[in-house]
N, C-alpha and C. Protein backbone atom coordinates (compact mmCIF):
# COMPACT_ATOMS: atom_id res chain seq x y z
N MET A 1 -99.96 -28.42 100.04
CA MET A 1 -100.41 -29.54 100.69
C MET A 1 -100.05 -30.84 99.83
N GLU A 2 -99.91 -31.68 100.76
CA GLU A 2 -99.13 -33.18 100.38
C GLU A 2 -100.75 -34.01 100.04
N PRO A 3 -100.41 -34.81 98.89
CA PRO A 3 -101.03 -35.76 98.51
C PRO A 3 -101.64 -36.62 100.11
N VAL A 4 -103.01 -37.20 99.38
CA VAL A 4 -103.12 -38.26 100.83
C VAL A 4 -103.03 -39.48 99.99
N PHE A 5 -102.71 -40.41 101.06
CA PHE A 5 -102.95 -41.45 100.91
C PHE A 5 -103.05 -42.46 102.04
N GLU A 6 -104.58 -43.58 101.64
CA GLU A 6 -104.75 -43.62 103.21
C GLU A 6 -105.06 -45.76 102.34
N VAL A 7 -104.72 -46.21 103.73
CA VAL A 7 -104.42 -47.55 103.67
C VAL A 7 -105.87 -48.65 105.03
N ASP A 8 -107.09 -49.09 104.20
CA ASP A 8 -107.77 -49.26 104.90
C ASP A 8 -107.84 -50.83 104.85
N ALA A 9 -107.50 -51.53 106.13
CA ALA A 9 -107.09 -53.04 105.58
C ALA A 9 -108.43 -53.98 107.08
N GLY A 10 -108.33 -54.68 106.29
CA GLY A 10 -108.91 -55.72 107.16
C GLY A 10 -109.02 -57.16 107.25
N ALA A 11 -110.71 -58.14 107.59
CA ALA A 11 -110.71 -59.33 107.26
C ALA A 11 -112.08 -58.74 106.72
N VAL A 12 -112.35 -59.91 105.14
CA VAL A 12 -113.64 -60.40 104.95
C VAL A 12 -114.09 -61.39 104.58
N ASN A 13 -114.89 -62.66 105.25
CA ASN A 13 -115.03 -63.53 104.83
C ASN A 13 -114.35 -64.03 104.10
N GLY A 14 -112.96 -64.38 105.25
CA GLY A 14 -111.80 -65.12 105.11
C GLY A 14 -110.99 -64.37 103.90
N GLU A 15 -111.12 -63.49 103.20
CA GLU A 15 -110.15 -62.90 102.89
C GLU A 15 -109.81 -61.26 103.37
N VAL A 16 -108.13 -61.72 103.04
CA VAL A 16 -107.88 -60.34 103.47
C VAL A 16 -107.65 -59.24 102.64
N LEU A 17 -108.34 -58.14 103.28
CA LEU A 17 -108.96 -57.17 102.25
C LEU A 17 -108.35 -55.92 102.42
N VAL A 18 -107.73 -55.37 101.71
CA VAL A 18 -106.48 -54.04 101.44
C VAL A 18 -107.08 -53.27 100.70
N ARG A 19 -107.46 -51.98 101.23
CA ARG A 19 -107.94 -51.25 100.33
C ARG A 19 -107.53 -49.59 99.79
N PHE A 20 -106.30 -49.85 98.94
CA PHE A 20 -105.18 -48.38 99.01
C PHE A 20 -106.28 -47.40 98.38
N VAL A 21 -106.13 -46.26 98.80
CA VAL A 21 -106.64 -44.88 98.64
C VAL A 21 -105.69 -43.69 98.38
N GLY A 22 -105.84 -43.15 97.31
CA GLY A 22 -104.80 -42.20 96.98
C GLY A 22 -104.29 -42.07 95.96
N GLU A 23 -102.85 -41.71 96.26
CA GLU A 23 -101.52 -41.87 95.36
C GLU A 23 -100.25 -42.96 96.17
N LEU A 24 -100.42 -43.69 95.03
CA LEU A 24 -99.19 -44.83 95.71
C LEU A 24 -97.97 -44.22 94.84
N ASP A 25 -96.93 -43.61 95.60
CA ASP A 25 -96.25 -43.60 95.24
C ASP A 25 -94.46 -43.39 96.19
N ILE A 26 -93.73 -42.67 95.87
CA ILE A 26 -92.63 -43.11 96.84
C ILE A 26 -93.10 -42.54 98.39
N ALA A 27 -93.83 -41.37 98.48
CA ALA A 27 -93.48 -40.65 99.48
C ALA A 27 -95.06 -41.55 100.57
N ALA A 28 -95.71 -42.50 99.84
CA ALA A 28 -97.00 -43.74 100.49
C ALA A 28 -96.27 -45.42 100.68
N ILE A 29 -95.24 -45.36 100.00
CA ILE A 29 -95.32 -46.80 100.09
C ILE A 29 -94.85 -47.31 101.58
N GLY A 30 -94.56 -46.78 102.32
CA GLY A 30 -94.32 -47.42 103.85
C GLY A 30 -95.50 -47.11 104.44
N ASP A 31 -96.90 -46.48 104.27
CA ASP A 31 -98.03 -46.65 105.10
C ASP A 31 -98.65 -47.78 103.99
N ALA A 32 -98.52 -48.22 102.54
CA ALA A 32 -98.83 -49.19 101.74
C ALA A 32 -97.84 -50.58 102.59
N HIS A 33 -96.78 -50.62 102.84
CA HIS A 33 -96.05 -51.32 103.16
C HIS A 33 -97.02 -51.82 104.58
N ASP A 34 -96.26 -50.63 105.37
CA ASP A 34 -96.89 -51.33 107.00
C ASP A 34 -98.39 -51.44 107.14
N GLY A 35 -99.71 -51.00 106.83
CA GLY A 35 -100.37 -51.33 106.91
C GLY A 35 -100.97 -52.66 106.11
N VAL A 36 -100.40 -53.47 104.73
CA VAL A 36 -100.18 -54.94 104.18
C VAL A 36 -100.18 -56.02 105.57
N VAL A 37 -98.67 -55.52 105.87
CA VAL A 37 -97.87 -56.63 107.05
C VAL A 37 -98.66 -56.56 108.11
N GLY A 38 -99.60 -55.29 108.48
CA GLY A 38 -100.02 -55.40 109.80
C GLY A 38 -101.48 -56.75 110.06
N VAL A 39 -102.40 -56.23 108.33
CA VAL A 39 -103.34 -57.14 108.34
C VAL A 39 -103.10 -58.85 108.26
N LEU A 40 -101.77 -59.18 107.90
CA LEU A 40 -101.14 -60.26 107.46
C LEU A 40 -101.59 -60.72 108.23
N ASP A 41 -100.17 -59.96 109.24
CA ASP A 41 -99.66 -60.68 111.01
C ASP A 41 -101.51 -60.61 111.27
N GLN A 42 -101.90 -59.89 111.38
CA GLN A 42 -103.27 -60.07 112.76
C GLN A 42 -104.34 -61.68 111.30
N ASN A 43 -104.11 -61.86 110.60
CA ASN A 43 -105.26 -62.64 110.05
C ASN A 43 -104.60 -63.83 109.00
N PRO A 44 -104.16 -65.22 109.67
CA PRO A 44 -102.85 -65.75 108.96
C PRO A 44 -103.62 -66.65 107.80
N ASN A 45 -104.55 -66.29 107.52
CA ASN A 45 -105.23 -67.52 106.99
C ASN A 45 -105.62 -66.53 105.63
N GLY A 46 -106.00 -66.88 104.50
CA GLY A 46 -106.97 -66.44 103.53
C GLY A 46 -106.12 -65.46 102.48
N PRO A 47 -106.22 -65.94 100.99
CA PRO A 47 -105.84 -64.64 99.88
C PRO A 47 -106.05 -63.17 100.58
N LEU A 48 -104.76 -62.79 100.28
CA LEU A 48 -104.74 -60.94 100.57
C LEU A 48 -105.22 -60.50 99.33
N ILE A 49 -106.37 -59.59 99.61
CA ILE A 49 -106.77 -59.18 98.08
C ILE A 49 -106.45 -57.09 98.61
N VAL A 50 -105.92 -56.75 97.53
CA VAL A 50 -106.00 -55.96 97.14
C VAL A 50 -106.43 -54.84 96.33
N ASP A 51 -107.51 -53.95 96.52
CA ASP A 51 -108.38 -53.32 95.73
C ASP A 51 -107.45 -52.00 95.77
N LEU A 52 -107.26 -51.54 94.30
CA LEU A 52 -106.83 -50.54 93.53
C LEU A 52 -108.42 -49.72 93.40
N GLU A 53 -109.18 -49.68 93.62
CA GLU A 53 -110.48 -48.96 93.14
C GLU A 53 -110.33 -47.24 93.19
N GLY A 54 -109.61 -47.49 94.73
CA GLY A 54 -109.58 -46.03 94.74
C GLY A 54 -108.28 -44.74 95.31
N LEU A 55 -107.24 -45.99 94.32
CA LEU A 55 -106.15 -45.01 92.88
C LEU A 55 -106.51 -43.85 92.43
N THR A 56 -105.49 -42.85 92.46
CA THR A 56 -105.82 -41.68 91.88
C THR A 56 -104.31 -41.47 91.11
N PHE A 57 -103.61 -42.80 91.56
CA PHE A 57 -102.21 -42.29 90.96
C PHE A 57 -101.66 -43.68 91.10
N CYS A 58 -100.50 -43.63 90.58
CA CYS A 58 -99.51 -45.12 90.68
C CYS A 58 -98.42 -44.96 89.92
N ASP A 59 -97.09 -45.03 90.37
CA ASP A 59 -95.80 -44.62 89.79
C ASP A 59 -95.30 -45.95 90.13
N SER A 60 -94.10 -46.17 89.51
CA SER A 60 -93.24 -47.14 89.73
C SER A 60 -92.92 -47.88 90.60
N SER A 61 -93.07 -46.66 91.25
CA SER A 61 -91.94 -47.48 93.00
C SER A 61 -93.52 -48.06 94.01
N GLY A 62 -94.96 -47.55 93.08
CA GLY A 62 -96.04 -48.12 93.59
C GLY A 62 -96.07 -49.19 92.92
N ILE A 63 -95.52 -49.68 92.14
CA ILE A 63 -95.45 -50.84 91.29
C ILE A 63 -94.77 -51.60 92.14
N ARG A 64 -93.69 -50.98 91.77
CA ARG A 64 -92.62 -52.03 92.54
C ARG A 64 -92.78 -52.54 93.92
N GLU A 65 -93.83 -51.81 95.29
CA GLU A 65 -94.41 -52.11 96.18
C GLU A 65 -95.09 -53.37 96.25
N LEU A 66 -96.08 -53.12 95.28
CA LEU A 66 -96.97 -53.81 95.14
C LEU A 66 -96.39 -55.62 94.95
N LEU A 67 -94.90 -55.21 93.91
CA LEU A 67 -93.93 -56.97 93.65
C LEU A 67 -93.93 -57.24 95.09
N VAL A 68 -93.49 -56.29 95.94
CA VAL A 68 -93.17 -56.33 97.73
C VAL A 68 -94.09 -57.21 98.15
N LEU A 69 -95.70 -56.76 98.05
CA LEU A 69 -96.09 -57.05 99.14
C LEU A 69 -96.20 -58.92 98.45
N GLN A 70 -96.84 -58.75 97.08
CA GLN A 70 -96.55 -60.16 96.42
C GLN A 70 -96.05 -61.04 96.76
N ARG A 71 -94.94 -60.51 97.14
CA ARG A 71 -93.91 -61.70 97.31
C ARG A 71 -94.15 -62.20 99.08
N LEU A 72 -94.05 -61.01 99.83
CA LEU A 72 -94.39 -60.89 101.22
C LEU A 72 -95.49 -61.73 101.21
N ALA A 73 -96.60 -61.65 100.98
CA ALA A 73 -97.84 -62.95 100.68
C ALA A 73 -97.34 -64.21 100.09
N ASN A 74 -96.60 -64.71 99.06
CA ASN A 74 -96.31 -65.60 99.16
C ASN A 74 -95.16 -66.54 99.66
N ALA A 75 -94.56 -65.69 100.29
CA ALA A 75 -94.00 -66.65 101.56
C ALA A 75 -94.43 -66.96 102.45
N ARG A 76 -95.54 -66.19 102.79
CA ARG A 76 -96.37 -66.97 103.94
C ARG A 76 -97.81 -67.69 103.52
N GLY A 77 -97.67 -68.47 102.00
CA GLY A 77 -97.77 -69.15 101.79
C GLY A 77 -99.22 -68.87 101.12
N ARG A 78 -99.28 -67.39 100.71
CA ARG A 78 -100.99 -66.93 100.74
C ARG A 78 -100.60 -66.13 98.86
N GLU A 79 -101.66 -66.19 98.48
CA GLU A 79 -102.15 -65.28 97.02
C GLU A 79 -102.33 -63.94 97.10
N MET A 80 -101.83 -63.15 96.49
CA MET A 80 -102.21 -61.76 96.55
C MET A 80 -102.72 -61.62 95.05
N VAL A 81 -104.23 -60.99 95.38
CA VAL A 81 -105.23 -61.06 94.01
C VAL A 81 -105.52 -59.30 94.18
N LEU A 82 -105.42 -58.57 92.75
CA LEU A 82 -105.36 -57.32 92.91
C LEU A 82 -106.57 -56.79 92.36
N ARG A 83 -107.79 -55.60 93.13
CA ARG A 83 -108.84 -56.16 92.13
C ARG A 83 -108.91 -54.76 92.06
N HIS A 84 -110.28 -54.36 91.23
CA HIS A 84 -110.68 -53.45 90.59
C HIS A 84 -109.22 -52.53 90.22
N VAL A 85 -108.73 -52.74 89.49
CA VAL A 85 -106.98 -52.44 89.13
C VAL A 85 -107.54 -51.57 87.24
N LEU A 86 -107.68 -50.07 87.63
CA LEU A 86 -107.90 -48.72 86.85
C LEU A 86 -107.43 -48.67 85.99
N PRO A 87 -107.58 -47.91 84.25
CA PRO A 87 -106.96 -47.98 83.95
C PRO A 87 -105.47 -47.22 83.91
N ASN A 88 -105.53 -46.00 84.78
CA ASN A 88 -103.64 -45.51 84.96
C ASN A 88 -103.25 -46.53 85.76
N VAL A 89 -103.54 -47.16 86.55
CA VAL A 89 -102.91 -48.55 87.12
C VAL A 89 -102.38 -49.41 86.10
N THR A 90 -103.43 -49.98 85.48
CA THR A 90 -103.10 -51.22 83.93
C THR A 90 -102.20 -50.89 83.29
N ARG A 91 -102.32 -49.63 82.58
CA ARG A 91 -101.39 -48.62 81.75
C ARG A 91 -99.55 -49.02 82.54
N VAL A 92 -99.41 -48.46 84.02
CA VAL A 92 -98.68 -48.51 84.16
C VAL A 92 -97.78 -49.75 84.48
N LEU A 93 -98.59 -51.01 84.74
CA LEU A 93 -98.16 -51.66 84.77
C LEU A 93 -97.80 -52.67 83.23
N GLU A 94 -98.39 -52.56 82.22
CA GLU A 94 -98.15 -52.44 80.72
C GLU A 94 -96.47 -51.76 80.19
N VAL A 95 -96.59 -50.73 80.99
CA VAL A 95 -95.33 -49.77 80.31
C VAL A 95 -94.55 -50.48 81.16
N VAL A 96 -94.23 -50.87 82.29
CA VAL A 96 -92.88 -51.57 82.94
C VAL A 96 -92.52 -53.32 82.15
N GLY A 97 -94.00 -53.58 81.83
CA GLY A 97 -93.61 -54.68 81.41
C GLY A 97 -94.23 -55.83 82.50
N LEU A 98 -95.39 -55.38 83.95
CA LEU A 98 -95.34 -56.29 84.37
C LEU A 98 -96.81 -56.71 83.90
N SER A 99 -97.23 -56.42 83.32
CA SER A 99 -98.87 -56.87 83.01
C SER A 99 -99.22 -57.99 83.38
N ASP A 100 -98.31 -59.38 83.44
CA ASP A 100 -98.52 -60.74 83.38
C ASP A 100 -98.05 -61.23 85.20
N ALA A 101 -97.73 -60.16 85.75
CA ALA A 101 -96.72 -60.37 86.72
C ALA A 101 -97.45 -60.85 88.29
N PHE A 102 -99.22 -59.84 87.62
CA PHE A 102 -99.89 -60.25 89.12
C PHE A 102 -101.09 -61.38 88.44
N THR A 103 -101.58 -61.39 89.77
CA THR A 103 -103.27 -62.14 89.37
C THR A 103 -104.34 -60.71 89.81
N ILE A 104 -104.43 -60.71 88.55
CA ILE A 104 -105.87 -59.25 88.45
C ILE A 104 -107.29 -60.01 88.44
N GLU A 105 -107.58 -59.44 89.40
CA GLU A 105 -109.45 -59.80 89.26
C GLU A 105 -109.88 -59.10 88.05
N GLU A 106 -111.17 -60.21 87.40
CA GLU A 106 -111.80 -59.10 86.64
C GLU A 106 -112.93 -58.43 87.40
């Protein structure tokens, strides 16, 4: 059975909120990308909040996709903020030297 990855996206209180649930790896980055692009297209204002509380796994391809999404948001004049970053994701960010590349909500 393949690992499950879900994207829950919408606008809440003037923010574009995207929740990633499951494993953000090479098999899931297309779904992650499409989910974020879709909600950004539908909601042209406000910051992009990416909630990572539901991630059970994130590898380097997932981190790369987060960078791609951040550039996409920035190109549209919007900030991207990571919310609920769990220790497993924090560790990957530290290992690849990108812990300072993202705005992380405390």
